[in-house]
């Protein structure tokens, strides 16, 4: 049986080399998330790896959130779409799984969560809430345009005719102004500016900020990650003007166009909740939803957590949040969202 170890700073290079080579691993298995989660949110992380014969055989990044409001959890990985165990052998997978379950028991958490792409434990409770959207990028720009369904293609062309332009930013300022305004309209708390600065700092060239402008005004912005041959638009939003000029439609087309020209093969539109606006938006692009298997081993809790805006008990909070001044929402929001994961 492989031995399981806790990631140490001197091992991060080996960890990331395994992640890059492992078919099961994703961008969210990268070691940099340990730095981001600890520094941006102050949560304890437990990045476990299985080793045999001096070689890493599997990884499992975990983070612990202990909140009076939202409970005590051990998850792989909070603030990320994908997680769970990435391993190249069943013994390594089993060793990491057993280690995580033992850790969850020792920490006396409410639940252990794996955010899997493929099911691991058929007998664990699951949450059938999220799906992901992934699609191959055609080798030619025109092919990608033609593959967009007609009505959505018309919205992209509207953005082009509106005189929108894209630019790559080095600073998070313009992106944050567009993103925070967008989530405020949705009635949800925003992440801190420090979080986005850390993502840019830690992931460097694999993290990109693209801003959509019109006449010098910021219309929308997206923070994307690059991993192997994939582009992942992860955080995006627009100002109040974006809807009138199809700013978000143009933004995602520009990202796809740029990725195509750079030789990327997969556009990962990320997760959405079923029956939500973003779910419909991505389907309109011709993407088909693919299930995500979020599995829970219940420890001190008797039910699967349900901390999401579709939960009826949060509707009053959402309505009240929308009425807050944006500056106040941006000040208070990070203190709430850090515990949601």
C-alpha atoms as a PDB file:
ATOM      1  CA  UNK A   1       0.000   0.000   0.000  1.00  0.00           C
ATOM      2  CA  UNK A   2       1.393   3.463  -0.875  1.00  0.00           C
ATOM      3  CA  UNK A   3       2.239   5.811   1.990  1.00  0.00           C
ATOM      4  CA  UNK A   4       0.294   9.071   2.419  1.00  0.00           C
ATOM      5  CA  UNK A   5       2.014  12.352   3.253  1.00  0.00           C
ATOM      6  CA  UNK A   6       1.100  15.969   3.878  1.00  0.00           C
ATOM      7  CA  UNK A   7       2.419  18.332   1.205  1.00  0.00           C
ATOM      8  CA  UNK A   8       5.459  20.357   2.278  1.00  0.00           C
ATOM      9  CA  UNK A   9       6.726  23.491   0.477  1.00  0.00           C
ATOM     10  CA  UNK A  10       9.736  21.674  -0.973  1.00  0.00           C
ATOM     11  CA  UNK A  11       7.427  19.102  -2.593  1.00  0.00           C
ATOM     12  CA  UNK A  12       5.197  21.504  -4.570  1.00  0.00           C
ATOM     13  CA  UNK A  13       7.213  21.088  -7.776  1.00  0.00           C
ATOM     14  CA  UNK A  14       6.813  17.295  -7.668  1.00  0.00           C
ATOM     15  CA  UNK A  15       3.118  17.696  -6.858  1.00  0.00           C
ATOM     16  CA  UNK A  16       2.484  19.979  -9.840  1.00  0.00           C
ATOM     17  CA  UNK A  17       4.484  17.748 -12.169  1.00  0.00           C
ATOM     18  CA  UNK A  18       2.198  14.867 -11.210  1.00  0.00           C
ATOM     19  CA  UNK A  19      -0.922  17.015 -11.671  1.00  0.00           C
ATOM     20  CA  UNK A  20       0.163  18.140 -15.122  1.00  0.00           C
ATOM     21  CA  UNK A  21       0.753  14.544 -16.215  1.00  0.00           C
ATOM     22  CA  UNK A  22      -2.272  12.903 -14.560  1.00  0.00           C
ATOM     23  CA  UNK A  23      -5.381  12.483 -16.770  1.00  0.00           C
ATOM     24  CA  UNK A  24      -7.631  12.662 -13.685  1.00  0.00           C
ATOM     25  CA  UNK A  25      -6.152  15.905 -12.370  1.00  0.00           C
ATOM     26  CA  UNK A  26      -7.535  19.363 -13.106  1.00  0.00           C
ATOM     27  CA  UNK A  27      -6.381  22.949 -12.701  1.00  0.00           C
ATOM     28  CA  UNK A  28      -7.958  22.850  -9.239  1.00  0.00           C
ATOM     29  CA  UNK A  29      -5.572  20.125  -8.118  1.00  0.00           C
ATOM     30  CA  UNK A  30      -2.595  22.461  -8.483  1.00  0.00           C
ATOM     31  CA  UNK A  31      -0.539  23.115  -5.365  1.00  0.00           C
ATOM     32  CA  UNK A  32      -1.042  26.872  -5.688  1.00  0.00           C
ATOM     33  CA  UNK A  33      -4.579  26.541  -4.312  1.00  0.00           C
ATOM     34  CA  UNK A  34      -3.061  25.794  -0.917  1.00  0.00           C
ATOM     35  CA  UNK A  35      -1.454  29.243  -0.863  1.00  0.00           C
ATOM     36  CA  UNK A  36      -4.572  30.958  -2.193  1.00  0.00           C
ATOM     37  CA  UNK A  37      -6.999  29.360   0.267  1.00  0.00           C
ATOM     38  CA  UNK A  38      -4.757  29.871   3.286  1.00  0.00           C
ATOM     39  CA  UNK A  39      -3.803  33.469   2.518  1.00  0.00           C
ATOM     40  CA  UNK A  40      -7.081  34.741   1.072  1.00  0.00           C
ATOM     41  CA  UNK A  41      -9.493  33.047   3.495  1.00  0.00           C
ATOM     42  CA  UNK A  42      -7.404  31.898   6.452  1.00  0.00           C
ATOM     43  CA  UNK A  43      -8.597  28.288   6.222  1.00  0.00           C
ATOM     44  CA  UNK A  44      -6.515  25.283   7.211  1.00  0.00           C
ATOM     45  CA  UNK A  45      -5.512  23.082   4.267  1.00  0.00           C
ATOM     46  CA  UNK A  46      -4.585  19.421   4.144  1.00  0.00           C
ATOM     47  CA  UNK A  47      -2.970  18.603   0.794  1.00  0.00           C
ATOM     48  CA  UNK A  48      -2.369  14.845   0.825  1.00  0.00           C
ATOM     49  CA  UNK A  49      -0.327  12.807  -1.631  1.00  0.00           C
ATOM     50  CA  UNK A  50       0.265   9.076  -1.985  1.00  0.00           C
ATOM     51  CA  UNK A  51       3.782   7.899  -2.727  1.00  0.00           C
ATOM     52  CA  UNK A  52       5.294   4.582  -3.722  1.00  0.00           C
ATOM     53  CA  UNK A  53       8.862   3.838  -4.768  1.00  0.00           C
ATOM     54  CA  UNK A  54       9.765   7.502  -4.374  1.00  0.00           C
ATOM     55  CA  UNK A  55       7.125   8.571  -6.918  1.00  0.00           C
ATOM     56  CA  UNK A  56       3.881  10.450  -6.320  1.00  0.00           C
ATOM     57  CA  UNK A  57       0.994   8.172  -7.299  1.00  0.00           C
ATOM     58  CA  UNK A  58      -1.964  10.341  -6.364  1.00  0.00           C
ATOM     59  CA  UNK A  59      -3.026  13.658  -4.839  1.00  0.00           C
ATOM     60  CA  UNK A  60      -5.988  14.899  -2.804  1.00  0.00           C
ATOM     61  CA  UNK A  61      -6.152  18.615  -1.958  1.00  0.00           C
ATOM     62  CA  UNK A  62      -8.411  19.275   1.043  1.00  0.00           C
ATOM     63  CA  UNK A  63      -9.397  22.405   2.937  1.00  0.00           C
ATOM     64  CA  UNK A  64     -11.194  22.744   6.245  1.00  0.00           C
ATOM     65  CA  UNK A  65     -13.848  25.398   6.831  1.00  0.00           C
ATOM     66  CA  UNK A  66     -15.153  25.842  10.376  1.00  0.00           C
ATOM     67  CA  UNK A  67     -17.967  28.389  10.482  1.00  0.00           C
ATOM     68  CA  UNK A  68     -20.622  29.033  13.115  1.00  0.00           C
ATOM     69  CA  UNK A  69     -22.997  30.049  10.360  1.00  0.00           C
ATOM     70  CA  UNK A  70     -22.317  27.426   7.687  1.00  0.00           C
ATOM     71  CA  UNK A  71     -20.869  24.489   9.590  1.00  0.00           C
ATOM     72  CA  UNK A  72     -17.615  22.537   9.786  1.00  0.00           C
ATOM     73  CA  UNK A  73     -16.468  20.823   6.582  1.00  0.00           C
ATOM     74  CA  UNK A  74     -13.500  19.139   4.951  1.00  0.00           C
ATOM     75  CA  UNK A  75     -13.730  19.497   1.177  1.00  0.00           C
ATOM     76  CA  UNK A  76     -11.823  18.904  -2.033  1.00  0.00           C
ATOM     77  CA  UNK A  77     -11.870  21.656  -2.849  1.00  0.00           C
ATOM     78  CA  UNK A  78     -13.731  24.749  -1.586  1.00  0.00           C
ATOM     79  CA  UNK A  79     -14.043  27.620  -4.105  1.00  0.00           C
ATOM     80  CA  UNK A  80     -13.292  25.147  -6.921  1.00  0.00           C
ATOM     81  CA  UNK A  81     -15.425  23.335  -9.484  1.00  0.00           C
ATOM     82  CA  UNK A  82     -13.490  20.070  -9.536  1.00  0.00           C
ATOM     83  CA  UNK A  83     -11.564  18.205  -6.867  1.00  0.00           C
ATOM     84  CA  UNK A  84     -11.460  14.819  -5.249  1.00  0.00           C
ATOM     85  CA  UNK A  85      -8.758  12.216  -5.720  1.00  0.00           C
ATOM     86  CA  UNK A  86      -6.501  12.201  -8.782  1.00  0.00           C
ATOM     87  CA  UNK A  87      -4.516   8.978  -8.848  1.00  0.00           C
ATOM     88  CA  UNK A  88      -2.834   6.601 -11.304  1.00  0.00           C
ATOM     89  CA  UNK A  89      -3.599   3.377  -9.405  1.00  0.00           C
ATOM     90  CA  UNK A  90      -6.381   1.923  -7.286  1.00  0.00           C
ATOM     91  CA  UNK A  91      -4.125   1.328  -4.246  1.00  0.00           C
ATOM     92  CA  UNK A  92      -3.121   5.015  -4.267  1.00  0.00           C
ATOM     93  CA  UNK A  93      -6.746   6.075  -4.621  1.00  0.00           C
ATOM     94  CA  UNK A  94      -7.772   3.852  -1.722  1.00  0.00           C
ATOM     95  CA  UNK A  95      -4.913   5.068   0.480  1.00  0.00           C
ATOM     96  CA  UNK A  96      -5.860   8.717  -0.056  1.00  0.00           C
ATOM     97  CA  UNK A  97      -9.552   7.982   0.454  1.00  0.00           C
ATOM     98  CA  UNK A  98      -8.914   6.201   3.750  1.00  0.00           C
ATOM     99  CA  UNK A  99      -6.589   8.986   4.914  1.00  0.00           C
ATOM    100  CA  UNK A 100      -9.209  11.660   4.139  1.00  0.00           C
ATOM    101  CA  UNK A 101     -11.966   9.765   5.948  1.00  0.00           C
ATOM    102  CA  UNK A 102      -9.730   9.268   8.983  1.00  0.00           C
ATOM    103  CA  UNK A 103      -8.810  12.972   8.955  1.00  0.00           C
ATOM    104  CA  UNK A 104     -12.466  13.999   8.750  1.00  0.00           C
ATOM    105  CA  UNK A 105     -13.241  11.769  11.728  1.00  0.00           C
ATOM    106  CA  UNK A 106     -10.312  13.125  13.730  1.00  0.00           C
ATOM    107  CA  UNK A 107     -11.283  16.744  12.992  1.00  0.00           C
ATOM    108  CA  UNK A 108     -14.908  15.975  13.943  1.00  0.00           C
ATOM    109  CA  UNK A 109     -16.270  17.750  10.876  1.00  0.00           C
ATOM    110  CA  UNK A 110     -19.912  17.777   9.865  1.00  0.00           C
ATOM    111  CA  UNK A 111     -19.094  16.228   6.502  1.00  0.00           C
ATOM    112  CA  UNK A 112     -16.360  15.263   4.044  1.00  0.00           C
ATOM    113  CA  UNK A 113     -16.965  16.409   0.463  1.00  0.00           C
ATOM    114  CA  UNK A 114     -15.419  15.302  -2.833  1.00  0.00           C
ATOM    115  CA  UNK A 115     -16.148  17.393  -5.922  1.00  0.00           C
ATOM    116  CA  UNK A 116     -15.722  14.624  -8.462  1.00  0.00           C
ATOM    117  CA  UNK A 117     -16.049  14.571 -12.216  1.00  0.00           C
ATOM    118  CA  UNK A 118     -16.604  10.794 -11.978  1.00  0.00           C
ATOM    119  CA  UNK A 119     -18.441   8.999  -9.207  1.00  0.00           C
ATOM    120  CA  UNK A 120     -16.234   7.389  -6.566  1.00  0.00           C
ATOM    121  CA  UNK A 121     -18.657   6.268  -3.849  1.00  0.00           C
ATOM    122  CA  UNK A 122     -22.010   5.106  -5.178  1.00  0.00           C
ATOM    123  CA  UNK A 123     -23.278   4.636  -1.609  1.00  0.00           C
ATOM    124  CA  UNK A 124     -22.497   8.187  -0.394  1.00  0.00           C
ATOM    125  CA  UNK A 125     -25.145  10.919  -0.437  1.00  0.00           C
ATOM    126  CA  UNK A 126     -24.756  13.209  -3.445  1.00  0.00           C
ATOM    127  CA  UNK A 127     -25.869  16.672  -4.496  1.00  0.00           C
ATOM    128  CA  UNK A 128     -27.419  16.733  -7.967  1.00  0.00           C
ATOM    129  CA  UNK A 129     -27.234  20.516  -8.209  1.00  0.00           C
ATOM    130  CA  UNK A 130     -24.292  21.368 -10.450  1.00  0.00           C
ATOM    131  CA  UNK A 131     -23.329  20.506 -13.995  1.00  0.00           C
ATOM    132  CA  UNK A 132     -20.305  21.543 -16.005  1.00  0.00           C
ATOM    133  CA  UNK A 133     -20.022  22.644 -19.618  1.00  0.00           C
ATOM    134  CA  UNK A 134     -17.040  21.656 -21.752  1.00  0.00           C
ATOM    135  CA  UNK A 135     -16.621  21.724 -25.506  1.00  0.00           C
ATOM    136  CA  UNK A 136     -13.871  21.219 -28.050  1.00  0.00           C
ATOM    137  CA  UNK A 137     -12.490  24.362 -29.688  1.00  0.00           C
ATOM    138  CA  UNK A 138     -12.424  24.027 -33.479  1.00  0.00           C
ATOM    139  CA  UNK A 139      -9.021  24.652 -35.107  1.00  0.00           C
ATOM    140  CA  UNK A 140     -10.236  27.652 -37.149  1.00  0.00           C
ATOM    141  CA  UNK A 141     -11.836  30.842 -35.779  1.00  0.00           C
ATOM    142  CA  UNK A 142     -14.626  30.864 -38.386  1.00  0.00           C
ATOM    143  CA  UNK A 143     -15.539  27.293 -37.518  1.00  0.00           C
ATOM    144  CA  UNK A 144     -16.088  28.273 -33.894  1.00  0.00           C
ATOM    145  CA  UNK A 145     -18.318  31.169 -34.915  1.00  0.00           C
ATOM    146  CA  UNK A 146     -20.429  28.929 -37.144  1.00  0.00           C
ATOM    147  CA  UNK A 147     -20.812  26.331 -34.391  1.00  0.00           C
ATOM    148  CA  UNK A 148     -22.522  28.855 -32.121  1.00  0.00           C
ATOM    149  CA  UNK A 149     -26.337  28.475 -32.444  1.00  0.00           C
ATOM    150  CA  UNK A 150     -27.940  31.157 -34.600  1.00  0.00           C
ATOM    151  CA  UNK A 151     -29.622  33.259 -31.886  1.00  0.00           C
ATOM    152  CA  UNK A 152     -26.510  33.309 -29.730  1.00  0.00           C
ATOM    153  CA  UNK A 153     -24.342  34.074 -32.766  1.00  0.00           C
ATOM    154  CA  UNK A 154     -26.541  37.115 -33.384  1.00  0.00           C
ATOM    155  CA  UNK A 155     -25.757  38.361 -29.853  1.00  0.00           C
ATOM    156  CA  UNK A 156     -22.026  37.999 -30.491  1.00  0.00           C
ATOM    157  CA  UNK A 157     -22.374  39.964 -33.727  1.00  0.00           C
ATOM    158  CA  UNK A 158     -24.351  42.613 -31.837  1.00  0.00           C
ATOM    159  CA  UNK A 159     -21.372  43.076 -29.522  1.00  0.00           C
ATOM    160  CA  UNK A 160     -19.051  43.364 -32.510  1.00  0.00           C
ATOM    161  CA  UNK A 161     -21.314  45.950 -34.168  1.00  0.00           C
ATOM    162  CA  UNK A 162     -21.497  47.875 -30.879  1.00  0.00           C
ATOM    163  CA  UNK A 163     -17.811  48.658 -31.218  1.00  0.00           C
ATOM    164  CA  UNK A 164     -16.644  46.534 -28.308  1.00  0.00           C
ATOM    165  CA  UNK A 165     -12.968  45.700 -27.983  1.00  0.00           C
ATOM    166  CA  UNK A 166     -11.018  43.289 -25.803  1.00  0.00           C
ATOM    167  CA  UNK A 167      -7.794  43.973 -23.980  1.00  0.00           C
ATOM    168  CA  UNK A 168      -5.607  41.975 -21.597  1.00  0.00           C
ATOM    169  CA  UNK A 169      -5.103  43.604 -18.195  1.00  0.00           C
ATOM    170  CA  UNK A 170      -2.283  43.148 -15.702  1.00  0.00           C
ATOM    171  CA  UNK A 171      -4.190  44.719 -12.813  1.00  0.00           C
ATOM    172  CA  UNK A 172      -7.411  43.413 -11.222  1.00  0.00           C
ATOM    173  CA  UNK A 173      -9.007  46.859 -10.782  1.00  0.00           C
ATOM    174  CA  UNK A 174     -11.204  47.047 -13.883  1.00  0.00           C
ATOM    175  CA  UNK A 175     -12.113  43.386 -13.667  1.00  0.00           C
ATOM    176  CA  UNK A 176     -13.179  43.739 -10.041  1.00  0.00           C
ATOM    177  CA  UNK A 177     -15.397  46.731 -10.750  1.00  0.00           C
ATOM    178  CA  UNK A 178     -17.304  44.780 -13.433  1.00  0.00           C
ATOM    179  CA  UNK A 179     -17.417  41.510 -11.503  1.00  0.00           C
ATOM    180  CA  UNK A 180     -18.517  43.010  -8.176  1.00  0.00           C
ATOM    181  CA  UNK A 181     -21.298  45.004  -9.855  1.00  0.00           C
ATOM    182  CA  UNK A 182     -22.517  41.823 -11.543  1.00  0.00           C
ATOM    183  CA  UNK A 183     -22.701  39.632  -8.427  1.00  0.00           C
ATOM    184  CA  UNK A 184     -24.295  42.500  -6.480  1.00  0.00           C
ATOM    185  CA  UNK A 185     -27.147  42.554  -8.994  1.00  0.00           C
ATOM    186  CA  UNK A 186     -27.545  38.814  -8.395  1.00  0.00           C
ATOM    187  CA  UNK A 187     -27.767  39.430  -4.649  1.00  0.00           C
ATOM    188  CA  UNK A 188     -24.713  37.378  -3.666  1.00  0.00           C
ATOM    189  CA  UNK A 189     -21.600  38.434  -1.696  1.00  0.00           C
ATOM    190  CA  UNK A 190     -18.410  39.158  -3.589  1.00  0.00           C
ATOM    191  CA  UNK A 191     -14.922  37.803  -2.963  1.00  0.00           C
ATOM    192  CA  UNK A 192     -12.248  40.168  -1.688  1.00  0.00           C
ATOM    193  CA  UNK A 193      -9.928  42.089  -3.986  1.00  0.00           C
ATOM    194  CA  UNK A 194      -7.057  40.299  -2.251  1.00  0.00           C
ATOM    195  CA  UNK A 195      -8.397  36.929  -3.438  1.00  0.00           C
ATOM    196  CA  UNK A 196      -8.233  37.931  -7.097  1.00  0.00           C
ATOM    197  CA  UNK A 197      -4.805  39.510  -6.658  1.00  0.00           C
ATOM    198  CA  UNK A 198      -3.572  36.261  -5.103  1.00  0.00           C
ATOM    199  CA  UNK A 199      -4.951  34.170  -7.954  1.00  0.00           C
ATOM    200  CA  UNK A 200      -3.103  36.367 -10.412  1.00  0.00           C
ATOM    201  CA  UNK A 201       0.088  36.278  -8.337  1.00  0.00           C
ATOM    202  CA  UNK A 202       0.130  32.542  -7.591  1.00  0.00           C
ATOM    203  CA  UNK A 203      -0.866  31.249 -11.030  1.00  0.00           C
ATOM    204  CA  UNK A 204       0.995  33.958 -12.967  1.00  0.00           C
ATOM    205  CA  UNK A 205       0.961  33.248 -16.722  1.00  0.00           C
ATOM    206  CA  UNK A 206      -1.765  30.627 -16.281  1.00  0.00           C
ATOM    207  CA  UNK A 207      -4.177  33.277 -14.996  1.00  0.00           C
ATOM    208  CA  UNK A 208      -5.409  35.966 -17.388  1.00  0.00           C
ATOM    209  CA  UNK A 209      -7.634  39.027 -17.101  1.00  0.00           C
ATOM    210  CA  UNK A 210      -9.508  40.078 -20.222  1.00  0.00           C
ATOM    211  CA  UNK A 211     -11.479  43.335 -20.198  1.00  0.00           C
ATOM    212  CA  UNK A 212     -14.142  44.407 -22.678  1.00  0.00           C
ATOM    213  CA  UNK A 213     -14.258  48.146 -23.312  1.00  0.00           C
ATOM    214  CA  UNK A 214     -16.331  50.577 -25.357  1.00  0.00           C
ATOM    215  CA  UNK A 215     -15.076  54.081 -25.865  1.00  0.00           C
ATOM    216  CA  UNK A 216     -12.679  53.658 -22.959  1.00  0.00           C
ATOM    217  CA  UNK A 217     -15.445  52.489 -20.568  1.00  0.00           C
ATOM    218  CA  UNK A 218     -15.229  49.097 -18.878  1.00  0.00           C
ATOM    219  CA  UNK A 219     -18.154  46.939 -20.010  1.00  0.00           C
ATOM    220  CA  UNK A 220     -17.255  43.489 -18.705  1.00  0.00           C
ATOM    221  CA  UNK A 221     -14.336  41.391 -17.565  1.00  0.00           C
ATOM    222  CA  UNK A 222     -13.340  37.764 -17.097  1.00  0.00           C
ATOM    223  CA  UNK A 223     -10.593  36.009 -15.160  1.00  0.00           C
ATOM    224  CA  UNK A 224      -9.572  32.801 -16.926  1.00  0.00           C
ATOM    225  CA  UNK A 225      -7.243  29.943 -16.068  1.00  0.00           C
ATOM    226  CA  UNK A 226      -5.147  27.929 -18.539  1.00  0.00           C
ATOM    227  CA  UNK A 227      -4.302  24.283 -17.934  1.00  0.00           C
ATOM    228  CA  UNK A 228      -2.708  21.935 -20.444  1.00  0.00           C
ATOM    229  CA  UNK A 229      -4.740  22.554 -23.635  1.00  0.00           C
ATOM    230  CA  UNK A 230      -7.780  24.035 -21.864  1.00  0.00           C
ATOM    231  CA  UNK A 231      -9.030  27.555 -21.158  1.00  0.00           C
ATOM    232  CA  UNK A 232     -11.336  27.996 -18.168  1.00  0.00           C
ATOM    233  CA  UNK A 233     -13.232  31.306 -17.855  1.00  0.00           C
ATOM    234  CA  UNK A 234     -13.802  31.194 -14.105  1.00  0.00           C
ATOM    235  CA  UNK A 235     -14.957  34.577 -12.799  1.00  0.00           C
ATOM    236  CA  UNK A 236     -16.774  36.941 -15.120  1.00  0.00           C
ATOM    237  CA  UNK A 237     -19.268  39.764 -14.993  1.00  0.00           C
ATOM    238  CA  UNK A 238     -20.405  42.976 -16.551  1.00  0.00           C
ATOM    239  CA  UNK A 239     -21.528  46.470 -15.665  1.00  0.00           C
ATOM    240  CA  UNK A 240     -25.124  47.613 -16.083  1.00  0.00           C
ATOM    241  CA  UNK A 241     -24.263  48.666 -19.644  1.00  0.00           C
ATOM    242  CA  UNK A 242     -23.178  45.154 -20.657  1.00  0.00           C
ATOM    243  CA  UNK A 243     -26.680  43.880 -21.359  1.00  0.00           C
ATOM    244  CA  UNK A 244     -27.447  46.707 -23.820  1.00  0.00           C
ATOM    245  CA  UNK A 245     -24.371  46.038 -25.949  1.00  0.00           C
ATOM    246  CA  UNK A 246     -24.122  42.227 -25.517  1.00  0.00           C
ATOM    247  CA  UNK A 247     -20.944  42.712 -23.499  1.00  0.00           C
ATOM    248  CA  UNK A 248     -20.830  39.265 -21.914  1.00  0.00           C
ATOM    249  CA  UNK A 249     -21.665  37.508 -25.189  1.00  0.00           C
ATOM    250  CA  UNK A 250     -18.843  39.336 -26.951  1.00  0.00           C
ATOM    251  CA  UNK A 251     -16.500  38.680 -24.027  1.00  0.00           C
ATOM    252  CA  UNK A 252     -16.804  34.895 -24.144  1.00  0.00           C
ATOM    253  CA  UNK A 253     -16.512  34.901 -27.926  1.00  0.00           C
ATOM    254  CA  UNK A 254     -13.324  36.949 -27.707  1.00  0.00           C
ATOM    255  CA  UNK A 255     -11.910  34.513 -25.168  1.00  0.00           C
ATOM    256  CA  UNK A 256     -12.764  31.582 -27.424  1.00  0.00           C
ATOM    257  CA  UNK A 257     -11.303  33.349 -30.462  1.00  0.00           C
ATOM    258  CA  UNK A 258      -8.070  34.198 -28.682  1.00  0.00           C
ATOM    259  CA  UNK A 259      -7.780  30.642 -27.281  1.00  0.00           C
ATOM    260  CA  UNK A 260      -8.311  29.195 -30.768  1.00  0.00           C
ATOM    261  CA  UNK A 261      -5.583  31.380 -32.222  1.00  0.00           C
ATOM    262  CA  UNK A 262      -3.211  30.271 -29.459  1.00  0.00           C
ATOM    263  CA  UNK A 263      -3.866  26.596 -30.162  1.00  0.00           C
ATOM    264  CA  UNK A 264      -5.988  25.646 -27.138  1.00  0.00           C
ATOM    265  CA  UNK A 265      -8.283  22.645 -27.675  1.00  0.00           C
ATOM    266  CA  UNK A 266     -10.974  22.792 -24.955  1.00  0.00           C
ATOM    267  CA  UNK A 267     -13.254  25.559 -23.712  1.00  0.00           C
ATOM    268  CA  UNK A 268     -14.348  24.787 -20.151  1.00  0.00           C
ATOM    269  CA  UNK A 269     -17.333  27.024 -19.419  1.00  0.00           C
ATOM    270  CA  UNK A 270     -17.381  25.807 -15.817  1.00  0.00           C
ATOM    271  CA  UNK A 271     -20.181  24.768 -13.536  1.00  0.00           C
ATOM    272  CA  UNK A 272     -23.688  26.139 -13.241  1.00  0.00           C
ATOM    273  CA  UNK A 273     -26.657  25.258 -11.092  1.00  0.00           C
ATOM    274  CA  UNK A 274     -29.427  23.447 -12.892  1.00  0.00           C
ATOM    275  CA  UNK A 275     -32.350  25.695 -13.860  1.00  0.00           C
ATOM    276  CA  UNK A 276     -30.344  28.892 -13.424  1.00  0.00           C
ATOM    277  CA  UNK A 277     -29.682  31.810 -15.756  1.00  0.00           C
ATOM    278  CA  UNK A 278     -26.056  30.825 -16.307  1.00  0.00           C
ATOM    279  CA  UNK A 279     -27.157  27.248 -17.105  1.00  0.00           C
ATOM    280  CA  UNK A 280     -29.456  28.549 -19.863  1.00  0.00           C
ATOM    281  CA  UNK A 281     -26.797  30.975 -21.121  1.00  0.00           C
ATOM    282  CA  UNK A 282     -24.245  28.202 -21.625  1.00  0.00           C
ATOM    283  CA  UNK A 283     -26.758  25.896 -23.304  1.00  0.00           C
ATOM    284  CA  UNK A 284     -27.535  28.738 -25.706  1.00  0.00           C
ATOM    285  CA  UNK A 285     -23.890  28.551 -26.814  1.00  0.00           C
ATOM    286  CA  UNK A 286     -24.403  24.951 -27.882  1.00  0.00           C
ATOM    287  CA  UNK A 287     -22.705  23.409 -24.840  1.00  0.00           C
ATOM    288  CA  UNK A 288     -24.261  20.280 -23.346  1.00  0.00           C
ATOM    289  CA  UNK A 289     -24.399  19.928 -19.541  1.00  0.00           C
ATOM    290  CA  UNK A 290     -22.276  17.190 -18.004  1.00  0.00           C
ATOM    291  CA  UNK A 291     -23.086  15.991 -14.473  1.00  0.00           C
ATOM    292  CA  UNK A 292     -20.789  16.677 -11.551  1.00  0.00           C
ATOM    293  CA  UNK A 293     -20.710  14.105  -8.766  1.00  0.00           C
ATOM    294  CA  UNK A 294     -20.420  16.005  -5.490  1.00  0.00           C
ATOM    295  CA  UNK A 295     -20.270  13.256  -2.851  1.00  0.00           C
ATOM    296  CA  UNK A 296     -20.605  13.580   0.918  1.00  0.00           C
ATOM    297  CA  UNK A 297     -19.606  11.377   3.780  1.00  0.00           C
ATOM    298  CA  UNK A 298     -21.709  12.583   6.686  1.00  0.00           C
ATOM    299  CA  UNK A 299     -19.992  12.663  10.060  1.00  0.00           C
ATOM    300  CA  UNK A 300     -21.623  14.927  12.663  1.00  0.00           C
ATOM    301  CA  UNK A 301     -24.272  16.147  10.238  1.00  0.00           C
ATOM    302  CA  UNK A 302     -27.349  14.164   9.244  1.00  0.00           C
ATOM    303  CA  UNK A 303     -28.067  15.992   5.984  1.00  0.00           C
ATOM    304  CA  UNK A 304     -26.145  17.167   2.921  1.00  0.00           C
ATOM    305  CA  UNK A 305     -25.382  20.938   3.135  1.00  0.00           C
ATOM    306  CA  UNK A 306     -27.506  23.271   1.028  1.00  0.00           C
ATOM    307  CA  UNK A 307     -25.774  26.653   1.035  1.00  0.00           C
ATOM    308  CA  UNK A 308     -26.780  28.017  -2.345  1.00  0.00           C
ATOM    309  CA  UNK A 309     -28.905  30.928  -3.626  1.00  0.00           C
ATOM    310  CA  UNK A 310     -31.620  28.594  -4.945  1.00  0.00           C
ATOM    311  CA  UNK A 311     -32.416  27.519  -1.387  1.00  0.00           C
ATOM    312  CA  UNK A 312     -35.724  29.289  -0.506  1.00  0.00           C
ATOM    313  CA  UNK A 313     -34.487  30.253   2.972  1.00  0.00           C
ATOM    314  CA  UNK A 314     -31.916  32.625   1.440  1.00  0.00           C
ATOM    315  CA  UNK A 315     -34.360  34.572  -0.736  1.00  0.00           C
ATOM    316  CA  UNK A 316     -34.960  37.342   1.796  1.00  0.00           C
ATOM    317  CA  UNK A 317     -31.208  37.741   2.257  1.00  0.00           C
ATOM    318  CA  UNK A 318     -30.699  38.003  -1.515  1.00  0.00           C
ATOM    319  CA  UNK A 319     -33.384  40.682  -1.866  1.00  0.00           C
ATOM    320  CA  UNK A 320     -31.897  42.692   1.009  1.00  0.00           C
ATOM    321  CA  UNK A 321     -28.350  42.327  -0.325  1.00  0.00           C
ATOM    322  CA  UNK A 322     -29.327  43.813  -3.678  1.00  0.00           C
ATOM    323  CA  UNK A 323     -30.494  46.961  -1.894  1.00  0.00           C
ATOM    324  CA  UNK A 324     -27.152  47.548  -0.155  1.00  0.00           C
ATOM    325  CA  UNK A 325     -24.897  50.239  -1.631  1.00  0.00           C
ATOM    326  CA  UNK A 326     -22.255  48.533  -3.778  1.00  0.00           C
ATOM    327  CA  UNK A 327     -19.405  49.938  -1.690  1.00  0.00           C
ATOM    328  CA  UNK A 328     -20.907  48.472   1.500  1.00  0.00           C
ATOM    329  CA  UNK A 329     -21.610  45.129  -0.166  1.00  0.00           C
ATOM    330  CA  UNK A 330     -17.989  44.957  -1.354  1.00  0.00           C
ATOM    331  CA  UNK A 331     -16.802  45.688   2.194  1.00  0.00           C
ATOM    332  CA  UNK A 332     -18.994  43.159   3.992  1.00  0.00           C
ATOM    333  CA  UNK A 333     -19.295  40.459   1.314  1.00  0.00           C
ATOM    334  CA  UNK A 334     -15.806  38.908   1.624  1.00  0.00           C
ATOM    335  CA  UNK A 335     -16.407  38.174   5.327  1.00  0.00           C
ATOM    336  CA  UNK A 336     -19.468  36.088   4.404  1.00  0.00           C
ATOM    337  CA  UNK A 337     -18.329  34.359   1.229  1.00  0.00           C
ATOM    338  CA  UNK A 338     -15.048  33.133   2.761  1.00  0.00           C
ATOM    339  CA  UNK A 339     -17.050  30.559   4.734  1.00  0.00           C
ATOM    340  CA  UNK A 340     -19.289  29.384   1.899  1.00  0.00           C
ATOM    341  CA  UNK A 341     -16.641  27.532  -0.110  1.00  0.00           C
END
